[in-house]
Amino acid sequence: MFLLCFWGFSGCASRAEALSLEYAKAFGRELQSIINKNPRYLWGGSSDESKGLDCSGYLFLAARRAGMPVRRTTAGLMAEGHGGWTGKTVAFEDVDGLDLVFWTFKNSRPNGHVGAGWDAGGKVTHASFRRGVVIDEFKGRLKSAVTKIIRLTLGDKKTD
């Protein structure tokens, strides 16, 4: 089971200046629900895990079900804060559960892939082109290709 830091497990940083507790609980619960259904990858997929999801669609579906005020957009636009995906950039060393993690892989557009949250064991969840929605160890290419980390600060902010 993918356990996120806000549930109070040891080794987790403070969630100050982050999602409200209500959003965090709901977002984590929805991410876990989608993971448990083991959806396949589908480019552009964002409406139903039974049809398949892409990386930004996976996070959007969980956020929408959690009641978060965000809109569907691409990973690159999420990294820029569009569609209500507002937040503050955090240092690699300060990453916390439910932070958005962006990657740029070779021959890919900047911030072209996105995932969410490490648990206390050093893992990240994302929609893999080959394996669907997965939980992976944060190492190798997933560690070396990180280009940006955003701590969401949703709440009373109006989406653009």
C-alpha atoms as a PDB file:
ATOM      1  CA  MET A   1       0.000   0.000   0.000  1.00  0.00           C
ATOM      2  CA  PHE A   2       1.257   3.478  -0.903  1.00  0.00           C
ATOM      3  CA  LEU A   3       1.305   5.494   2.318  1.00  0.00           C
ATOM      4  CA  LEU A   4       1.719   9.247   2.056  1.00  0.00           C
ATOM      5  CA  CYS A   5       3.442  11.491   4.584  1.00  0.00           C
ATOM      6  CA  PHE A   6       0.426  13.497   5.698  1.00  0.00           C
ATOM      7  CA  TRP A   7      -0.990  10.394   7.366  1.00  0.00           C
ATOM      8  CA  GLY A   8       1.582  10.927  10.107  1.00  0.00           C
ATOM      9  CA  PHE A   9       4.282   8.362   9.371  1.00  0.00           C
ATOM     10  CA  SER A  10       7.808   9.028  10.610  1.00  0.00           C
ATOM     11  CA  GLY A  11      10.356  10.654   8.345  1.00  0.00           C
ATOM     12  CA  CYS A  12       7.918  13.151   6.858  1.00  0.00           C
ATOM     13  CA  ALA A  13       8.463  16.873   6.651  1.00  0.00           C
ATOM     14  CA  SER A  14       5.923  19.457   7.777  1.00  0.00           C
ATOM     15  CA  ARG A  15       3.051  20.197   5.390  1.00  0.00           C
ATOM     16  CA  ALA A  16       3.211  23.924   6.246  1.00  0.00           C
ATOM     17  CA  GLU A  17       2.436  26.121   3.263  1.00  0.00           C
ATOM     18  CA  ALA A  18       0.833  23.202   1.459  1.00  0.00           C
ATOM     19  CA  LEU A  19      -2.564  21.737   0.694  1.00  0.00           C
ATOM     20  CA  SER A  20      -5.198  22.056   3.370  1.00  0.00           C
ATOM     21  CA  LEU A  21      -5.516  18.936   5.489  1.00  0.00           C
ATOM     22  CA  GLU A  22      -8.917  18.194   3.923  1.00  0.00           C
ATOM     23  CA  TYR A  23      -7.541  18.369   0.379  1.00  0.00           C
ATOM     24  CA  ALA A  24      -4.439  16.383   1.327  1.00  0.00           C
ATOM     25  CA  LYS A  25      -6.429  13.559   2.887  1.00  0.00           C
ATOM     26  CA  ALA A  26      -8.858  13.399  -0.018  1.00  0.00           C
ATOM     27  CA  PHE A  27      -6.145  13.663  -2.701  1.00  0.00           C
ATOM     28  CA  GLY A  28      -4.068  10.909  -1.087  1.00  0.00           C
ATOM     29  CA  ARG A  29      -7.123   8.695  -0.720  1.00  0.00           C
ATOM     30  CA  GLU A  30      -8.057   9.187  -4.388  1.00  0.00           C
ATOM     31  CA  LEU A  31      -4.508   8.538  -5.618  1.00  0.00           C
ATOM     32  CA  GLN A  32      -4.524   5.289  -3.629  1.00  0.00           C
ATOM     33  CA  SER A  33      -7.938   4.321  -4.994  1.00  0.00           C
ATOM     34  CA  ILE A  34      -6.721   4.771  -8.563  1.00  0.00           C
ATOM     35  CA  ILE A  35      -3.453   2.896  -7.881  1.00  0.00           C
ATOM     36  CA  ASN A  36      -5.445  -0.022  -6.481  1.00  0.00           C
ATOM     37  CA  LYS A  37      -7.365  -0.321  -9.769  1.00  0.00           C
ATOM     38  CA  ASN A  38      -4.105  -0.720 -11.716  1.00  0.00           C
ATOM     39  CA  PRO A  39      -5.113   1.368 -14.772  1.00  0.00           C
ATOM     40  CA  ARG A  40      -3.228   1.094 -18.036  1.00  0.00           C
ATOM     41  CA  TYR A  41      -1.587   4.075 -19.727  1.00  0.00           C
ATOM     42  CA  LEU A  42      -3.677   5.970 -22.282  1.00  0.00           C
ATOM     43  CA  TRP A  43      -2.334   9.202 -23.771  1.00  0.00           C
ATOM     44  CA  GLY A  44      -4.867  11.943 -22.987  1.00  0.00           C
ATOM     45  CA  GLY A  45      -6.775   9.704 -20.578  1.00  0.00           C
ATOM     46  CA  SER A  46      -8.221  11.572 -17.607  1.00  0.00           C
ATOM     47  CA  SER A  47     -11.867  10.677 -17.127  1.00  0.00           C
ATOM     48  CA  ASP A  48     -11.987   7.044 -16.043  1.00  0.00           C
ATOM     49  CA  GLU A  49      -9.306   4.655 -14.849  1.00  0.00           C
ATOM     50  CA  SER A  50     -11.057   1.746 -16.572  1.00  0.00           C
ATOM     51  CA  LYS A  51     -10.241   3.405 -19.925  1.00  0.00           C
ATOM     52  CA  GLY A  52      -6.665   4.354 -18.990  1.00  0.00           C
ATOM     53  CA  LEU A  53      -4.832   7.464 -17.796  1.00  0.00           C
ATOM     54  CA  ASP A  54      -1.798   9.503 -18.719  1.00  0.00           C
ATOM     55  CA  CYS A  55       0.441  11.165 -16.131  1.00  0.00           C
ATOM     56  CA  SER A  56      -1.339  14.506 -15.819  1.00  0.00           C
ATOM     57  CA  GLY A  57      -4.731  12.851 -16.296  1.00  0.00           C
ATOM     58  CA  TYR A  58      -4.032  10.542 -13.356  1.00  0.00           C
ATOM     59  CA  LEU A  59      -3.331  13.461 -11.039  1.00  0.00           C
ATOM     60  CA  PHE A  60      -6.251  15.473 -12.421  1.00  0.00           C
ATOM     61  CA  LEU A  61      -8.732  12.621 -11.879  1.00  0.00           C
ATOM     62  CA  ALA A  62      -7.587  12.146  -8.269  1.00  0.00           C
ATOM     63  CA  ALA A  63      -7.685  15.912  -7.640  1.00  0.00           C
ATOM     64  CA  ARG A  64     -11.134  16.302  -9.200  1.00  0.00           C
ATOM     65  CA  ARG A  65     -12.512  13.459  -7.091  1.00  0.00           C
ATOM     66  CA  ALA A  66     -10.927  15.084  -4.031  1.00  0.00           C
ATOM     67  CA  GLY A  67     -12.807  18.319  -4.794  1.00  0.00           C
ATOM     68  CA  MET A  68      -9.682  20.324  -5.561  1.00  0.00           C
ATOM     69  CA  PRO A  69     -10.214  23.450  -7.717  1.00  0.00           C
ATOM     70  CA  VAL A  70      -8.046  22.434 -10.685  1.00  0.00           C
ATOM     71  CA  ARG A  71      -8.609  21.925 -14.391  1.00  0.00           C
ATOM     72  CA  ARG A  72      -7.259  19.336 -16.795  1.00  0.00           C
ATOM     73  CA  THR A  73      -4.046  20.402 -18.475  1.00  0.00           C
ATOM     74  CA  THR A  74      -0.660  18.996 -19.478  1.00  0.00           C
ATOM     75  CA  ALA A  75       2.292  18.265 -17.206  1.00  0.00           C
ATOM     76  CA  GLY A  76       4.201  21.215 -18.686  1.00  0.00           C
ATOM     77  CA  LEU A  77       1.376  23.640 -17.988  1.00  0.00           C
ATOM     78  CA  MET A  78       0.876  22.178 -14.504  1.00  0.00           C
ATOM     79  CA  ALA A  79       4.542  22.955 -13.807  1.00  0.00           C
ATOM     80  CA  GLU A  80       3.819  26.594 -14.716  1.00  0.00           C
ATOM     81  CA  GLY A  81       0.798  26.765 -12.385  1.00  0.00           C
ATOM     82  CA  HIS A  82      -1.922  26.815 -15.058  1.00  0.00           C
ATOM     83  CA  GLY A  83      -5.378  25.357 -14.500  1.00  0.00           C
ATOM     84  CA  GLY A  84      -5.259  26.058 -10.777  1.00  0.00           C
ATOM     85  CA  TRP A  85      -2.209  23.864 -10.118  1.00  0.00           C
ATOM     86  CA  THR A  86      -0.645  26.618  -8.001  1.00  0.00           C
ATOM     87  CA  GLY A  87       2.174  26.047  -5.602  1.00  0.00           C
ATOM     88  CA  LYS A  88       5.684  26.901  -4.653  1.00  0.00           C
ATOM     89  CA  THR A  89       8.842  25.308  -5.965  1.00  0.00           C
ATOM     90  CA  VAL A  90      10.685  23.331  -3.319  1.00  0.00           C
ATOM     91  CA  ALA A  91      14.241  22.046  -3.233  1.00  0.00           C
ATOM     92  CA  PHE A  92      14.929  18.441  -4.041  1.00  0.00           C
ATOM     93  CA  GLU A  93      16.059  17.828  -0.444  1.00  0.00           C
ATOM     94  CA  ASP A  94      12.750  19.187   0.910  1.00  0.00           C
ATOM     95  CA  VAL A  95      10.345  17.015  -1.086  1.00  0.00           C
ATOM     96  CA  ASP A  96       7.339  15.810   0.899  1.00  0.00           C
ATOM     97  CA  GLY A  97       4.348  13.568   0.300  1.00  0.00           C
ATOM     98  CA  LEU A  98       1.889  14.888  -2.332  1.00  0.00           C
ATOM     99  CA  ASP A  99       4.391  17.298  -3.865  1.00  0.00           C
ATOM    100  CA  LEU A 100       4.186  17.269  -7.661  1.00  0.00           C
ATOM    101  CA  VAL A 101       7.359  15.951  -9.234  1.00  0.00           C
ATOM    102  CA  PHE A 102       8.221  16.848 -12.832  1.00  0.00           C
ATOM    103  CA  TRP A 103      10.689  15.137 -15.140  1.00  0.00           C
ATOM    104  CA  THR A 104      12.227  15.937 -18.489  1.00  0.00           C
ATOM    105  CA  PHE A 105      13.475  12.806 -20.192  1.00  0.00           C
ATOM    106  CA  LYS A 106      15.712  12.766 -23.276  1.00  0.00           C
ATOM    107  CA  ASN A 107      13.799  13.737 -26.438  1.00  0.00           C
ATOM    108  CA  SER A 108      10.890  14.996 -24.319  1.00  0.00           C
ATOM    109  CA  ARG A 109       9.441  18.444 -23.800  1.00  0.00           C
ATOM    110  CA  PRO A 110      10.481  20.341 -20.632  1.00  0.00           C
ATOM    111  CA  ASN A 111       8.591  19.128 -17.554  1.00  0.00           C
ATOM    112  CA  GLY A 112       6.852  16.642 -19.839  1.00  0.00           C
ATOM    113  CA  HIS A 113       6.109  14.035 -17.169  1.00  0.00           C
ATOM    114  CA  VAL A 114       4.559  14.413 -13.717  1.00  0.00           C
ATOM    115  CA  GLY A 115       3.967  12.251 -10.669  1.00  0.00           C
ATOM    116  CA  ALA A 116       3.131  12.749  -7.014  1.00  0.00           C
ATOM    117  CA  GLY A 117       4.373  12.196  -3.531  1.00  0.00           C
ATOM    118  CA  TRP A 118       7.010  10.075  -1.935  1.00  0.00           C
ATOM    119  CA  ASP A 119       6.123   7.978   1.024  1.00  0.00           C
ATOM    120  CA  ALA A 120       8.547   7.553   3.906  1.00  0.00           C
ATOM    121  CA  GLY A 121      10.163   4.696   1.953  1.00  0.00           C
ATOM    122  CA  GLY A 122      11.301   6.878  -0.976  1.00  0.00           C
ATOM    123  CA  LYS A 123       8.673   6.121  -3.607  1.00  0.00           C
ATOM    124  CA  VAL A 124       6.759   8.112  -6.201  1.00  0.00           C
ATOM    125  CA  THR A 125       3.548   7.379  -8.094  1.00  0.00           C
ATOM    126  CA  HIS A 126       3.036   8.221 -11.765  1.00  0.00           C
ATOM    127  CA  ALA A 127       1.526   6.889 -14.988  1.00  0.00           C
ATOM    128  CA  SER A 128       4.197   4.971 -16.862  1.00  0.00           C
ATOM    129  CA  PHE A 129       3.868   4.660 -20.635  1.00  0.00           C
ATOM    130  CA  ARG A 130       4.744   0.959 -20.463  1.00  0.00           C
ATOM    131  CA  ARG A 131       3.225  -0.084 -17.126  1.00  0.00           C
ATOM    132  CA  GLY A 132       0.279   2.211 -16.424  1.00  0.00           C
ATOM    133  CA  VAL A 133      -0.252   3.837 -13.028  1.00  0.00           C
ATOM    134  CA  VAL A 134       2.518   2.566 -10.786  1.00  0.00           C
ATOM    135  CA  ILE A 135       4.499   3.153  -7.642  1.00  0.00           C
ATOM    136  CA  ASP A 136       8.238   3.260  -8.278  1.00  0.00           C
ATOM    137  CA  GLU A 137      11.366   3.538  -6.209  1.00  0.00           C
ATOM    138  CA  PHE A 138      12.810   7.008  -6.435  1.00  0.00           C
ATOM    139  CA  LYS A 139      16.166   6.130  -7.958  1.00  0.00           C
ATOM    140  CA  GLY A 140      18.007   5.913 -11.260  1.00  0.00           C
ATOM    141  CA  ARG A 141      16.382   7.790 -14.109  1.00  0.00           C
ATOM    142  CA  LEU A 142      13.411   8.829 -11.958  1.00  0.00           C
ATOM    143  CA  LYS A 143      15.828  10.604  -9.643  1.00  0.00           C
ATOM    144  CA  SER A 144      18.312  12.000 -12.163  1.00  0.00           C
ATOM    145  CA  ALA A 145      15.734  13.470 -14.577  1.00  0.00           C
ATOM    146  CA  VAL A 146      13.741  15.521 -12.020  1.00  0.00           C
ATOM    147  CA  THR A 147      13.424  19.095 -13.262  1.00  0.00           C
ATOM    148  CA  LYS A 148      10.985  20.657 -10.807  1.00  0.00           C
ATOM    149  CA  ILE A 149       9.113  19.916  -7.582  1.00  0.00           C
ATOM    150  CA  ILE A 150       6.030  21.889  -6.590  1.00  0.00           C
ATOM    151  CA  ARG A 151       4.283  21.919  -3.240  1.00  0.00           C
ATOM    152  CA  LEU A 152       0.635  22.624  -4.033  1.00  0.00           C
ATOM    153  CA  THR A 153      -0.928  25.541  -2.171  1.00  0.00           C
ATOM    154  CA  LEU A 154      -4.548  25.159  -3.185  1.00  0.00           C
ATOM    155  CA  GLY A 155      -7.323  26.405  -1.007  1.00  0.00           C
ATOM    156  CA  ASP A 156      -9.034  29.732  -1.325  1.00  0.00           C
ATOM    157  CA  LYS A 157      -7.112  30.665  -4.461  1.00  0.00           C
ATOM    158  CA  LYS A 158      -9.119  31.237  -7.599  1.00  0.00           C
ATOM    159  CA  THR A 159      -8.121  29.142 -10.617  1.00  0.00           C
ATOM    160  CA  ASP A 160      -6.996  31.060 -13.702  1.00  0.00           C
END
